[in-house]
Amino acid sequence: MKVLSLHSMGHDTAAAWFEDGRLVHAVETERLTRWKHDHRIHLALRHLLAQDGVRPEEADLITVSSPVRDSVLRLADPGPARRAVHGGAPYHRTTSWLLGRPVDCVVVTHEVSHAALALHYAGYPDDCVVLVNEGRGQVARSSVFRCSDGDVDWVETDPLPWYGNGFGWSALGWLFGFGKSPSVAGKVMAIGGYGTPDERLRGLLEEVDPRVLDDRALAEEEGRRLARLPEFSRDFDAMARVVATFQQMFTDAVHTLLAKHVEDPARTALALGGGCALNIVANSALRDRFGRDIAIPPACGDAGHALGAAVFAHHVLHGRRVEPFSVYCNGGAEPADDIHATLIAAGLDPLPYDPGTAARTLADGGVVAFAHGPSESGPRALGNRSLLGNPETDGMRRRLSGRLKRREWFRPLGAVMRAERFADWFPGQLPSPHMLFNYDVPAGRIPQARHADGTCRMQTVTRDQNAPLHHLLGEFERLSGVPALINTSLNAQGRAIAHTAHDALMDFAATDVDLYVLGDLMARRRAG
């Protein structure tokens, strides 16, 4: 069965092609355009259909998450389809003329698509509870699903208070003047590491009228009321206390909800989907409290719908599980000739990549732009589109965040370690291959990657997952004695993560990146 799958409308659009239960190609629109959260699905679709191995004339099925862009999908019955998914049906079967001929189509309701992808990353266990939690879905802001015997059953809708879902994080962002972009929540969360929870603030937040979830005018009125209180001033220390308190409330609310559905954590698997699954503090606390791992897709936000809708159709409607796919599945590897031409055009001298040279550059306090193979799925830099630096070089945090990426000073940097070294540093701790959990780091260790609260969001990598990065980490430790590297995304302020060598050079050619490692080639920055 050949399946074309889309997230066609809203932010973070994406397209994917599956064949016989195997992901062949996928791409998020923003990687092609460098416009964060890009909605222009026709660009991703055009790119996908031009790839080798993608044969649209042979498509047996089209899957799409809701909401649906009618002008693209050209459904036979857009009205009934819209009424079905808006009414809470998990899916609607119809016909699409997207490819110029009638093709069977399944419209998968937004929340169900999130849940299906989370179930896939959980490994399709016999019993799994999935929480889908986000700012706003198709039907709800938060939903609980029970997955067993090949079914994905919707068991609760909007069970969380206003401070337990993405609405609350967006509201804090608006209150503190960060705007309304989908990226705002992550910025706000970072501030919490500089504060401590305050019981008085908790009381003030709990007094907010719960109807703010459904009444925009009331939400804005409540926001203005809080803004007049001295406790909610835009002084950084005051904001840090508010965010730390809110984080505690959010984590407690999510834990209470999940505990109600998970009577036996040893038997029932747990998975998270939706944008709130990027909340590393909550993820880590939940893993500790339940005493077991929690499955989270790296593309747990809306860009993952192109994968989740197809997973649902395969698993629930056709009784077939999609094969596991690598996190490095966003677009394809750039041809070596194209990389070589880009470097020459930029006035750089391409050389064959030498891990020893890259490791020495890092050990000496340099910064390496590291890009190879397909990009990562989702918003985390996981070694295929990364800026790497030595976490024990004084000033490295300021250099990477401030001078190179030009982002807010308070945002944390992640780190990457080989899985075997992680086990030595954090004995008994579960790994984090997708950088979705944080860990307590003793003072003095990797100080430039350690957040204000003493934690670091860590990526663990094995040789099978990413051989080039794993090898570079080994070479770097051999030279420096340091088993970790700072790993932050390869993008300048306001741009999506770089997709091509040209993107990387556009962002950083005029900066003090010391070495570019692009595919199987490397080049040093221009002198002067």
Protein backbone atom coordinates (compact mmCIF):
# COMPACT_ATOMS: atom_id res chain seq x y z
CA MET A 1 0.00 0.00 0.00
CA LYS A 2 1.37 3.41 -1.02
CA VAL A 3 0.24 6.31 1.15
CA LEU A 4 0.59 10.06 0.73
CA SER A 5 0.14 11.80 4.08
CA LEU A 6 -0.19 15.50 4.89
CA HIS A 7 -0.61 18.07 7.59
CA SER A 8 -2.20 20.53 5.21
CA MET A 9 -3.49 23.48 7.21
CA GLY A 10 -2.29 25.56 10.15
CA HIS A 11 1.25 26.06 11.37
CA ASP A 12 4.03 23.50 10.83
CA THR A 13 2.68 21.85 7.69
CA ALA A 14 4.44 18.75 6.39
CA ALA A 15 4.17 15.92 3.86
CA ALA A 16 5.22 12.25 3.86
CA TRP A 17 5.17 9.16 1.65
CA PHE A 18 4.85 5.59 2.95
CA GLU A 19 5.16 2.33 1.05
CA ASP A 20 4.16 -1.05 2.50
CA GLY A 21 4.31 0.34 6.05
CA ARG A 22 7.72 1.95 5.58
CA LEU A 23 8.41 5.68 5.63
CA VAL A 24 10.12 6.56 2.33
CA HIS A 25 10.36 10.34 2.56
CA ALA A 26 9.05 13.17 4.75
CA VAL A 27 9.63 16.90 4.87
CA GLU A 28 8.48 19.80 7.03
CA THR A 29 7.66 22.93 5.03
CA GLU A 30 9.66 25.26 7.26
CA ARG A 31 12.90 23.46 6.42
CA LEU A 32 12.44 24.28 2.74
CA THR A 33 11.50 27.92 3.27
CA ARG A 34 13.36 28.74 6.54
CA TRP A 35 10.11 30.38 7.71
CA LYS A 36 9.32 29.01 11.17
CA HIS A 37 5.94 27.27 11.44
CA ASP A 38 5.31 27.74 7.71
CA HIS A 39 1.75 26.91 6.61
CA ARG A 40 2.33 26.65 2.83
CA ILE A 41 1.74 22.94 2.31
CA HIS A 42 1.94 23.17 -1.49
CA LEU A 43 5.70 23.78 -1.18
CA ALA A 44 6.31 20.63 0.87
CA LEU A 45 3.97 18.63 -1.34
CA ARG A 46 5.71 19.74 -4.54
CA HIS A 47 9.09 18.86 -3.02
CA LEU A 48 7.91 15.45 -1.81
CA LEU A 49 6.32 14.39 -5.10
CA ALA A 50 9.56 15.18 -6.95
CA GLN A 51 11.65 12.75 -4.88
CA ASP A 52 13.01 9.45 -6.18
CA GLY A 53 10.93 6.57 -4.89
CA VAL A 54 7.77 8.66 -4.58
CA ARG A 55 5.28 7.67 -7.29
CA PRO A 56 2.09 9.68 -6.87
CA GLU A 57 0.45 7.89 -9.81
CA GLU A 58 0.57 4.71 -7.69
CA ALA A 59 -0.89 6.18 -4.48
CA ASP A 60 -3.52 3.89 -2.94
CA LEU A 61 -4.47 6.16 -0.05
CA ILE A 62 -4.18 9.77 1.07
CA THR A 63 -4.20 10.50 4.79
CA VAL A 64 -4.49 13.95 6.26
CA SER A 65 -4.90 15.42 9.73
CA SER A 66 -7.59 17.96 10.43
CA PRO A 67 -8.15 20.81 9.79
CA VAL A 68 -8.05 20.21 6.04
CA ARG A 69 -7.12 22.72 3.37
CA ASP A 70 -9.94 22.09 0.89
CA SER A 71 -8.17 23.84 -1.98
CA VAL A 72 -5.37 21.28 -1.73
CA LEU A 73 -7.18 18.05 -0.82
CA ARG A 74 -10.23 18.62 -3.08
CA LEU A 75 -12.40 16.27 -1.04
CA ALA A 76 -15.55 14.80 -2.55
CA ASP A 77 -17.56 15.78 0.54
CA PRO A 78 -15.80 18.63 2.42
CA GLY A 79 -18.90 19.60 4.40
CA PRO A 80 -19.63 16.16 5.91
CA ALA A 81 -15.91 15.60 6.49
CA ARG A 82 -15.60 18.86 8.40
CA ARG A 83 -18.73 18.18 10.47
CA ALA A 84 -17.51 14.67 11.36
CA VAL A 85 -14.10 15.65 12.69
CA HIS A 86 -15.34 18.84 14.34
CA GLY A 87 -17.95 16.70 16.07
CA GLY A 88 -15.34 14.42 17.59
CA ALA A 89 -15.29 11.47 15.19
CA PRO A 90 -11.78 9.97 15.21
CA TYR A 91 -11.68 9.90 11.41
CA HIS A 92 -13.74 10.29 8.24
CA ARG A 93 -13.35 8.23 5.05
CA THR A 94 -13.84 10.01 1.77
CA THR A 95 -12.25 10.57 -1.66
CA SER A 96 -9.61 13.14 -2.62
CA TRP A 97 -8.85 14.57 -6.06
CA LEU A 98 -5.51 16.06 -4.94
CA LEU A 99 -3.59 13.95 -7.49
CA GLY A 100 -5.94 14.65 -10.39
CA ARG A 101 -7.81 11.36 -9.96
CA PRO A 102 -10.04 9.91 -7.26
CA VAL A 103 -8.00 8.38 -4.43
CA ASP A 104 -9.33 6.92 -1.17
CA CYS A 105 -8.74 9.41 1.64
CA VAL A 106 -8.87 9.27 5.42
CA VAL A 107 -9.21 12.52 7.36
CA VAL A 108 -7.80 11.82 10.83
CA THR A 109 -8.95 14.14 13.59
CA HIS A 110 -6.11 16.34 14.86
CA GLU A 111 -5.89 14.91 18.37
CA VAL A 112 -6.12 11.31 17.13
CA SER A 113 -3.23 11.88 14.75
CA HIS A 114 -1.09 13.11 17.68
CA ALA A 115 -2.11 10.07 19.74
CA ALA A 116 -1.31 7.61 16.94
CA LEU A 117 2.23 8.96 16.52
CA ALA A 118 2.81 8.76 20.27
CA LEU A 119 1.56 5.17 20.23
CA HIS A 120 4.00 4.38 17.42
CA TYR A 121 6.92 5.69 19.49
CA ALA A 122 5.68 3.66 22.45
CA GLY A 123 6.08 0.54 20.30
CA TYR A 124 2.37 -0.40 20.14
CA PRO A 125 2.17 -1.95 23.63
CA ASP A 126 -0.87 -3.97 24.71
CA ASP A 127 -2.02 -1.20 27.06
CA CYS A 128 -1.03 2.43 26.63
CA VAL A 129 -2.37 5.72 27.97
CA VAL A 130 -1.66 8.71 25.72
CA LEU A 131 -2.10 12.32 26.79
CA VAL A 132 -2.37 14.77 23.89
CA ASN A 133 -1.85 18.25 25.30
CA GLU A 134 -1.51 21.46 23.28
CA GLY A 135 -2.61 25.06 22.93
CA ARG A 136 -5.62 24.30 20.78
CA GLY A 137 -6.57 21.17 18.87
CA GLN A 138 -9.49 20.43 16.57
CA VAL A 139 -11.83 19.34 19.35
CA ALA A 140 -10.00 19.99 22.62
CA ARG A 141 -6.91 21.48 24.20
CA SER A 142 -6.13 18.22 26.01
CA SER A 143 -7.32 14.65 25.48
CA VAL A 144 -6.67 11.25 27.04
CA PHE A 145 -6.60 8.14 24.85
CA ARG A 146 -6.47 4.46 25.75
CA CYS A 147 -4.76 2.30 23.18
CA SER A 148 -5.17 -1.48 23.23
CA ASP A 149 -6.05 -4.34 20.87
CA GLY A 150 -5.37 -2.19 17.80
CA ASP A 151 -7.74 0.58 18.88
CA VAL A 152 -7.12 4.23 19.77
CA ASP A 153 -10.02 5.11 22.06
CA TRP A 154 -10.75 8.69 23.09
CA VAL A 155 -11.65 8.53 26.80
CA GLU A 156 -11.45 12.14 28.07
CA THR A 157 -11.74 15.58 26.50
CA ASP A 158 -10.42 18.75 28.14
CA PRO A 159 -9.82 17.21 31.58
CA LEU A 160 -7.07 19.70 32.51
CA PRO A 161 -7.45 23.14 34.14
CA TRP A 162 -6.42 26.29 32.24
CA TYR A 163 -2.92 26.09 33.69
CA GLY A 164 -2.52 22.42 32.70
CA ASN A 165 -2.36 22.86 28.94
CA GLY A 166 -0.75 24.95 26.23
CA PHE A 167 -3.27 27.75 26.61
CA GLY A 168 -1.73 28.63 29.95
CA TRP A 169 1.80 28.86 28.56
CA SER A 170 0.59 31.03 25.69
CA ALA A 171 -1.27 33.23 28.17
CA LEU A 172 1.90 33.75 30.21
CA GLY A 173 3.78 34.63 27.05
CA TRP A 174 1.19 37.27 26.19
CA LEU A 175 1.14 38.58 29.77
CA PHE A 176 4.91 39.08 29.77
CA GLY A 177 5.06 40.67 26.32
CA PHE A 178 6.52 37.82 24.26
CA GLY A 179 3.73 37.86 21.68
CA LYS A 180 1.60 35.00 20.35
CA SER A 181 3.92 32.93 18.15
CA PRO A 182 3.87 29.12 18.59
CA SER A 183 7.50 29.50 19.73
CA VAL A 184 6.59 31.68 22.72
CA ALA A 185 5.82 28.86 25.15
CA GLY A 186 9.36 27.48 24.94
CA LYS A 187 10.87 30.87 25.69
CA VAL A 188 8.61 31.33 28.72
CA MET A 189 9.41 27.87 30.10
CA ALA A 190 13.12 28.68 30.09
CA ILE A 191 12.61 31.56 32.52
CA GLY A 192 11.32 29.20 35.22
CA GLY A 193 14.79 27.79 35.80
CA TYR A 194 15.81 31.10 37.37
CA GLY A 195 13.01 31.16 39.96
CA THR A 196 11.42 29.10 42.71
CA PRO A 197 7.72 28.31 43.21
CA ASP A 198 5.76 30.65 45.48
CA GLU A 199 2.59 29.60 47.31
CA ARG A 200 1.07 33.09 47.17
CA LEU A 201 1.54 33.16 43.40
CA ARG A 202 -0.01 29.71 43.16
CA GLY A 203 -3.07 31.01 44.94
CA LEU A 204 -3.37 33.98 42.59
CA LEU A 205 -3.07 31.75 39.54
CA GLU A 206 -5.62 29.28 40.87
CA GLU A 207 -8.09 32.15 41.33
CA VAL A 208 -8.15 32.87 37.58
CA ASP A 209 -11.66 32.24 36.22
CA PRO A 210 -11.53 28.79 34.55
CA ARG A 211 -13.85 30.03 31.81
CA VAL A 212 -10.83 31.80 30.24
CA LEU A 213 -10.32 28.62 28.20
CA ASP A 214 -13.42 29.34 26.13
CA ASP A 215 -13.95 33.10 26.48
CA ARG A 216 -11.29 35.24 24.81
CA ALA A 217 -12.66 38.53 26.14
CA LEU A 218 -12.65 37.15 29.69
CA ALA A 219 -9.11 35.79 29.19
CA GLU A 220 -7.85 39.23 28.16
CA GLU A 221 -9.66 40.85 31.09
CA GLU A 222 -8.09 38.38 33.53
CA GLY A 223 -4.70 39.01 31.93
CA ARG A 224 -5.04 42.75 32.43
CA ARG A 225 -6.09 42.17 36.04
CA LEU A 226 -3.00 40.08 36.76
CA ALA A 227 -0.75 42.57 34.97
CA ARG A 228 -1.81 45.25 37.47
CA LEU A 229 -0.55 43.17 40.39
CA PRO A 230 3.07 43.78 41.47
CA GLU A 231 3.67 40.02 41.60
CA PHE A 232 3.19 39.88 37.80
CA SER A 233 5.47 42.73 36.79
CA ARG A 234 7.86 42.25 33.87
CA ASP A 235 10.87 42.44 36.14
CA PHE A 236 12.87 39.32 35.30
CA ASP A 237 13.03 37.98 38.86
CA ALA A 238 9.27 38.42 39.23
CA MET A 239 8.64 36.63 35.94
CA ALA A 240 10.96 33.80 37.00
CA ARG A 241 8.95 33.25 40.20
CA VAL A 242 5.67 33.25 38.28
CA VAL A 243 6.94 30.81 35.65
CA ALA A 244 8.48 28.47 38.24
CA THR A 245 5.18 28.44 40.12
CA PHE A 246 3.20 27.90 36.95
CA GLN A 247 5.53 25.06 35.92
CA GLN A 248 4.90 23.32 39.23
CA MET A 249 1.12 23.73 38.80
CA PHE A 250 1.26 22.45 35.22
CA THR A 251 3.32 19.39 36.17
CA ASP A 252 1.08 18.55 39.15
CA ALA A 253 -2.07 18.85 37.04
CA VAL A 254 -0.73 16.56 34.32
CA HIS A 255 0.52 14.02 36.85
CA THR A 256 -2.80 13.94 38.70
CA LEU A 257 -4.67 13.32 35.45
CA LEU A 258 -2.39 10.55 34.26
CA ALA A 259 -2.31 8.87 37.69
CA LYS A 260 -6.09 8.54 37.47
CA HIS A 261 -5.72 6.46 34.29
CA VAL A 262 -2.57 4.52 35.17
CA GLU A 263 -3.33 2.24 38.09
CA ASP A 264 -0.30 0.03 37.46
CA PRO A 265 2.66 1.89 35.90
CA ALA A 266 4.53 -1.39 35.53
CA ARG A 267 1.82 -2.70 33.18
CA THR A 268 0.46 0.40 31.45
CA ALA A 269 2.71 2.26 29.03
CA LEU A 270 2.66 6.06 28.98
CA ALA A 271 3.02 8.35 25.97
CA LEU A 272 2.67 12.08 25.35
CA GLY A 273 1.76 14.00 22.21
CA GLY A 274 1.02 17.59 21.26
CA GLY A 275 3.20 20.64 21.78
CA CYS A 276 3.17 20.41 25.59
CA ALA A 277 5.18 17.19 25.30
CA LEU A 278 8.17 19.47 24.63
CA ASN A 279 8.01 20.60 28.29
CA ILE A 280 11.22 18.97 29.49
CA VAL A 281 10.73 19.83 33.17
CA ALA A 282 7.32 18.17 33.27
CA ASN A 283 8.48 15.18 31.21
CA SER A 284 11.33 14.52 33.61
CA ALA A 285 9.16 14.86 36.71
CA LEU A 286 6.55 12.51 35.26
CA ARG A 287 9.16 9.90 34.44
CA ASP A 288 10.48 10.09 37.98
CA ARG A 289 7.04 9.98 39.62
CA PHE A 290 5.78 7.03 37.58
CA GLY A 291 9.13 5.21 37.75
CA ARG A 292 9.12 4.28 34.09
CA ASP A 293 9.99 5.66 30.69
CA ILE A 294 7.53 7.81 28.78
CA ALA A 295 7.29 7.64 25.00
CA ILE A 296 7.37 11.03 23.25
CA PRO A 297 7.72 11.56 19.48
CA PRO A 298 10.49 14.02 18.62
CA ALA A 299 7.97 15.70 16.27
CA CYS A 300 5.24 15.79 18.93
CA GLY A 301 3.95 19.15 17.63
CA ASP A 302 1.85 19.69 14.54
CA ALA A 303 4.68 18.91 12.09
CA GLY A 304 4.31 15.30 13.22
CA HIS A 305 0.79 15.03 11.81
CA ALA A 306 2.03 13.96 8.39
CA LEU A 307 3.46 10.92 10.18
CA GLY A 308 0.69 10.42 12.74
CA ALA A 309 -2.21 10.43 10.27
CA ALA A 310 -0.53 7.70 8.24
CA VAL A 311 0.29 5.67 11.37
CA PHE A 312 -3.38 5.79 12.39
CA ALA A 313 -4.65 4.65 8.99
CA HIS A 314 -2.14 1.81 8.79
CA HIS A 315 -2.67 0.58 12.35
CA VAL A 316 -6.35 1.10 13.10
CA LEU A 317 -7.95 0.86 9.66
CA HIS A 318 -5.65 -1.66 7.95
CA GLY A 319 -4.27 -3.64 10.90
CA ARG A 320 -0.67 -2.98 10.00
CA ARG A 321 2.00 -1.31 12.10
CA VAL A 322 4.26 1.22 10.47
CA GLU A 323 7.89 0.14 10.70
CA PRO A 324 10.10 2.13 13.11
CA PHE A 325 11.72 5.09 11.39
CA SER A 326 14.75 7.14 12.28
CA VAL A 327 14.46 10.55 13.86
CA TYR A 328 16.64 11.67 10.93
CA CYS A 329 13.82 11.56 8.39
CA ASN A 330 13.11 15.22 7.58
CA GLY A 331 14.07 15.67 3.94
CA GLY A 332 17.01 13.90 2.32
CA ALA A 333 20.78 14.06 2.39
CA GLU A 334 22.11 16.88 0.22
CA PRO A 335 24.20 15.63 -2.76
CA ALA A 336 27.94 15.98 -2.22
CA ASP A 337 28.35 17.88 -5.50
CA ASP A 338 25.84 20.50 -4.35
CA ILE A 339 27.66 20.95 -1.02
CA HIS A 340 30.99 21.27 -2.81
CA ALA A 341 29.59 23.90 -5.19
CA THR A 342 28.09 25.85 -2.29
CA LEU A 343 31.41 25.97 -0.45
CA ILE A 344 33.29 27.06 -3.56
CA ALA A 345 30.71 29.79 -4.26
CA ALA A 346 31.19 31.04 -0.69
CA GLY A 347 34.93 31.35 -1.24
CA LEU A 348 35.77 28.43 1.06
CA ASP A 349 38.17 25.56 0.39
CA PRO A 350 36.40 22.18 0.68
CA LEU A 351 38.37 19.32 2.20
CA PRO A 352 37.38 15.74 3.00
CA TYR A 353 35.83 15.60 6.47
CA ASP A 354 38.30 14.55 9.16
CA PRO A 355 36.80 13.81 12.60
CA GLY A 356 40.16 14.46 14.24
CA THR A 357 40.29 18.00 12.88
CA ALA A 358 36.74 18.70 14.06
CA ALA A 359 37.49 17.26 17.50
CA ARG A 360 40.67 19.34 17.82
CA THR A 361 38.76 22.48 16.82
CA LEU A 362 36.21 21.80 19.57
CA ALA A 363 38.85 20.87 22.16
CA ASP A 364 40.60 24.17 21.47
CA GLY A 365 37.42 26.11 22.18
CA GLY A 366 36.14 26.48 18.61
CA VAL A 367 32.58 26.17 17.28
CA VAL A 368 31.66 23.60 14.63
CA ALA A 369 28.61 23.79 12.35
CA PHE A 370 27.77 20.11 11.87
CA ALA A 371 25.32 19.04 9.16
CA HIS A 372 25.04 15.70 7.41
CA GLY A 373 22.41 13.32 6.08
CA PRO A 374 18.68 14.00 6.40
CA SER A 375 17.60 16.49 9.04
CA GLU A 376 15.94 15.71 12.35
CA SER A 377 12.18 15.35 12.60
CA GLY A 378 10.78 17.95 14.99
CA PRO A 379 12.26 21.06 16.59
CA ARG A 380 15.26 19.59 18.42
CA ALA A 381 18.78 19.63 16.98
CA LEU A 382 19.95 16.04 17.40
CA GLY A 383 23.30 16.06 15.64
CA ASN A 384 22.43 16.26 11.96
CA ARG A 385 21.83 20.04 11.98
CA SER A 386 23.74 21.28 15.03
CA LEU A 387 26.09 23.93 16.32
CA LEU A 388 28.59 22.16 18.58
CA GLY A 389 30.82 23.64 21.26
CA ASN A 390 32.97 22.68 24.23
CA PRO A 391 30.84 22.87 27.41
CA GLU A 392 33.93 23.62 29.50
CA THR A 393 35.21 26.56 27.45
CA ASP A 394 34.63 29.84 29.30
CA GLY A 395 32.14 32.07 27.50
CA MET A 396 30.85 29.33 25.17
CA ARG A 397 27.23 29.82 26.26
CA ARG A 398 27.42 33.55 25.50
CA ARG A 399 29.17 32.92 22.20
CA LEU A 400 26.63 30.38 20.94
CA SER A 401 23.43 31.96 22.25
CA GLY A 402 24.33 35.63 22.02
CA ARG A 403 26.85 36.20 19.26
CA LEU A 404 25.94 33.36 16.89
CA LYS A 405 22.23 32.69 17.39
CA ARG A 406 21.32 36.15 18.80
CA ARG A 407 18.63 34.74 21.05
CA GLU A 408 17.55 35.51 24.60
CA TRP A 409 20.32 35.15 27.16
CA PHE A 410 18.18 33.14 29.58
CA ARG A 411 17.45 30.21 27.26
CA PRO A 412 19.26 26.96 28.09
CA LEU A 413 21.61 25.01 25.87
CA GLY A 414 21.42 21.25 25.49
CA ALA A 415 24.24 18.74 25.45
CA VAL A 416 24.91 15.43 23.75
CA MET A 417 26.78 12.39 25.10
CA ARG A 418 27.48 8.90 23.88
CA ALA A 419 25.00 6.54 25.53
CA GLU A 420 27.76 4.49 27.17
CA ARG A 421 29.31 7.59 28.78
CA PHE A 422 25.91 8.82 29.85
CA ALA A 423 25.46 5.56 31.73
CA ASP A 424 28.72 6.27 33.59
CA TRP A 425 27.73 9.84 34.51
CA PHE A 426 24.09 9.10 35.33
CA PRO A 427 23.96 5.50 36.57
CA GLY A 428 20.46 4.04 36.62
CA GLN A 429 18.99 6.97 34.66
CA LEU A 430 16.92 6.36 31.54
CA PRO A 431 18.42 7.72 28.29
CA SER A 432 17.09 10.61 26.20
CA PRO A 433 17.72 10.02 22.48
CA HIS A 434 15.46 12.90 21.43
CA MET A 435 16.57 15.51 24.02
CA LEU A 436 13.18 15.53 25.77
CA PHE A 437 14.29 15.10 29.41
CA ASN A 438 16.65 16.95 31.73
CA TYR A 439 19.12 15.67 34.32
CA ASP A 440 20.74 17.08 37.45
CA VAL A 441 24.34 17.95 36.67
CA PRO A 442 26.77 18.42 39.59
CA ALA A 443 28.36 21.86 39.86
CA GLY A 444 31.63 22.04 37.94
CA ARG A 445 30.62 19.57 35.23
CA ILE A 446 29.94 20.90 31.71
CA PRO A 447 29.22 24.35 33.21
CA GLN A 448 28.43 26.08 29.91
CA ALA A 449 25.61 23.57 29.24
CA ARG A 450 24.25 23.62 32.79
CA HIS A 451 21.06 25.65 33.27
CA ALA A 452 20.45 28.00 36.19
CA ASP A 453 18.51 25.31 38.05
CA GLY A 454 21.44 22.87 37.88
CA THR A 455 19.98 20.70 35.13
CA CYS A 456 20.85 20.05 31.51
CA ARG A 457 18.57 18.84 28.75
CA MET A 458 20.56 15.92 27.45
CA GLN A 459 20.65 13.92 24.25
CA THR A 460 22.06 10.41 24.37
CA VAL A 461 23.39 8.92 21.15
CA THR A 462 24.48 5.43 20.14
CA ARG A 463 26.63 4.42 17.20
CA ASP A 464 23.58 2.88 15.49
CA GLN A 465 21.57 6.08 15.90
CA ASN A 466 24.17 8.51 14.58
CA ALA A 467 27.60 7.07 13.79
CA PRO A 468 29.29 10.37 12.72
CA LEU A 469 28.24 12.21 15.88
CA HIS A 470 29.07 9.24 18.10
CA HIS A 471 32.55 9.02 16.57
CA LEU A 472 33.15 12.77 16.92
CA LEU A 473 32.19 12.64 20.60
CA GLY A 474 34.70 9.87 21.15
CA GLU A 475 37.49 11.80 19.42
CA PHE A 476 36.61 14.95 21.35
CA GLU A 477 36.74 13.16 24.71
CA ARG A 478 40.06 11.55 23.79
CA LEU A 479 41.56 15.01 23.22
CA SER A 480 39.82 16.99 25.95
CA GLY A 481 38.72 14.51 28.60
CA VAL A 482 35.18 15.92 28.32
CA PRO A 483 32.49 13.35 27.39
CA ALA A 484 29.83 15.83 26.20
CA LEU A 485 29.37 18.61 23.67
CA ILE A 486 26.98 21.54 23.71
CA ASN A 487 24.42 20.81 20.99
CA THR A 488 22.15 23.60 19.80
CA SER A 489 20.20 23.97 16.58
CA LEU A 490 21.85 25.13 13.37
CA ASN A 491 19.83 28.29 12.77
CA ALA A 492 20.14 32.01 13.29
CA GLN A 493 17.53 34.09 15.10
CA GLY A 494 14.05 33.88 13.58
CA ARG A 495 14.87 31.17 11.07
CA ALA A 496 13.96 27.50 10.95
CA ILE A 497 16.77 24.96 11.31
CA ALA A 498 19.07 24.89 8.27
CA HIS A 499 18.19 22.33 5.62
CA THR A 500 21.09 22.74 3.18
CA ALA A 501 24.72 23.82 3.19
CA HIS A 502 23.60 27.10 1.62
CA ASP A 503 21.24 27.68 4.57
CA ALA A 504 24.03 27.08 7.08
CA LEU A 505 26.37 29.48 5.33
CA MET A 506 23.65 32.11 4.93
CA ASP A 507 23.16 32.06 8.70
CA PHE A 508 26.76 31.80 9.87
CA ALA A 509 29.28 32.64 7.13
CA ALA A 510 29.73 36.15 8.55
CA THR A 511 30.12 34.88 12.12
CA ASP A 512 32.90 33.26 14.10
CA VAL A 513 31.99 29.64 13.42
CA ASP A 514 35.42 28.03 13.16
CA LEU A 515 34.68 24.95 11.08
CA TYR A 516 31.86 23.84 8.80
CA VAL A 517 31.29 20.11 8.55
CA LEU A 518 28.78 19.63 5.73
CA GLY A 519 28.18 16.06 4.63
CA ASP A 520 31.51 14.43 3.83
CA LEU A 521 33.25 17.79 3.40
CA MET A 522 34.60 20.40 5.77
CA ALA A 523 35.87 23.95 5.41
CA ARG A 524 37.29 26.59 7.73
CA ARG A 525 35.82 30.07 7.85
CA ARG A 526 37.50 32.81 5.88
CA ALA A 527 40.43 34.50 7.57
CA GLY A 528 39.60 37.96 8.90
